[in-house]
Protein backbone atom coordinates (compact mmCIF):
# COMPACT_ATOMS: atom_id res chain seq x y z
CA UNK A 1 7.25 5.60 0.50
CA UNK A 2 9.49 6.64 3.32
CA UNK A 3 9.36 9.21 6.09
CA UNK A 4 12.57 10.29 7.77
CA UNK A 5 11.38 11.06 11.27
CA UNK A 6 14.75 12.62 12.18
CA UNK A 7 14.19 15.33 9.53
CA UNK A 8 10.54 15.86 10.49
CA UNK A 9 9.70 19.27 11.98
CA UNK A 10 6.20 18.16 13.10
CA UNK A 11 4.31 20.54 10.79
CA UNK A 12 1.75 17.74 10.27
CA UNK A 13 0.96 18.61 6.65
CA UNK A 14 1.16 14.87 5.97
CA UNK A 15 -1.69 14.31 8.42
CA UNK A 16 -3.75 16.87 6.53
CA UNK A 17 -3.09 15.53 3.03
CA UNK A 18 -2.97 11.78 3.80
CA UNK A 19 -4.60 11.18 7.20
CA UNK A 20 -5.20 7.48 6.59
CA UNK A 21 -1.55 6.86 5.73
CA UNK A 22 0.28 9.02 8.28
CA UNK A 23 -0.49 8.98 12.01
CA UNK A 24 1.04 10.88 14.94
CA UNK A 25 3.14 8.67 17.18
CA UNK A 26 3.82 9.31 20.84
CA UNK A 27 5.63 10.62 22.74
CA UNK A 28 6.94 13.36 20.42
CA UNK A 29 3.96 13.42 18.03
CA UNK A 30 6.07 12.94 14.93
CA UNK A 31 4.13 11.13 12.22
CA UNK A 32 4.75 7.59 11.20
CA UNK A 33 3.16 5.30 8.66
CA UNK A 34 -0.11 3.68 9.73
CA UNK A 35 0.16 -0.01 10.57
CA UNK A 36 -1.77 -1.31 7.56
CA UNK A 37 0.71 0.39 5.17
CA UNK A 38 3.96 -0.40 7.00
CA UNK A 39 6.70 -2.45 5.51
CA UNK A 40 8.28 -4.96 7.92
CA UNK A 41 6.61 -3.44 11.00
CA UNK A 42 8.73 -0.27 10.88
CA UNK A 43 7.05 3.14 11.13
CA UNK A 44 9.28 4.86 8.56
CA UNK A 45 8.77 2.80 5.43
CA UNK A 46 5.66 1.49 3.75
CA UNK A 47 3.67 0.67 0.66
CA UNK A 48 0.73 2.79 -0.36
CA UNK A 49 -2.05 1.55 -2.66
CA UNK A 50 -2.59 3.30 -5.98
CA UNK A 51 -5.85 4.76 -4.68
CA UNK A 52 -3.91 6.81 -2.08
CA UNK A 53 -0.82 7.60 -4.17
CA UNK A 54 -1.95 11.12 -5.14
CA UNK A 55 -2.67 12.16 -1.56
CA UNK A 56 0.68 10.82 -0.32
CA UNK A 57 2.43 12.57 -3.20
CA UNK A 58 0.70 15.82 -2.16
CA UNK A 59 1.95 15.27 1.40
CA UNK A 60 5.48 14.86 0.00
CA UNK A 61 5.19 18.11 -2.00
CA UNK A 62 3.99 20.04 1.05
CA UNK A 63 6.38 18.63 3.65
CA UNK A 64 8.48 21.66 4.72
CA UNK A 65 11.44 19.53 5.83
CA UNK A 66 11.50 17.17 2.84
CA UNK A 67 11.15 14.21 5.20
CA UNK A 68 8.71 12.31 2.95
CA UNK A 69 9.87 10.47 -0.15
CA UNK A 70 7.38 8.73 -2.42
CA UNK A 71 8.54 6.40 -5.16
CA UNK A 72 7.09 3.75 -7.39
CA UNK A 73 8.70 0.39 -7.96
């Protein structure tokens, strides 16, 4: 999964649908990927376990800016 924080409008739907995966980051409050799901210590790209895939997919569907992209490898 990937979140483009430049496109994010801080609606925080991702925090509602997948609160264990997305967390608000200071100072601007834009969400990033929680540490345990991050890929290479970056806040914009990560791997989500199958058990959370549906909730992250729901966050993608409800993101008003289209900043979240979920894909399977």
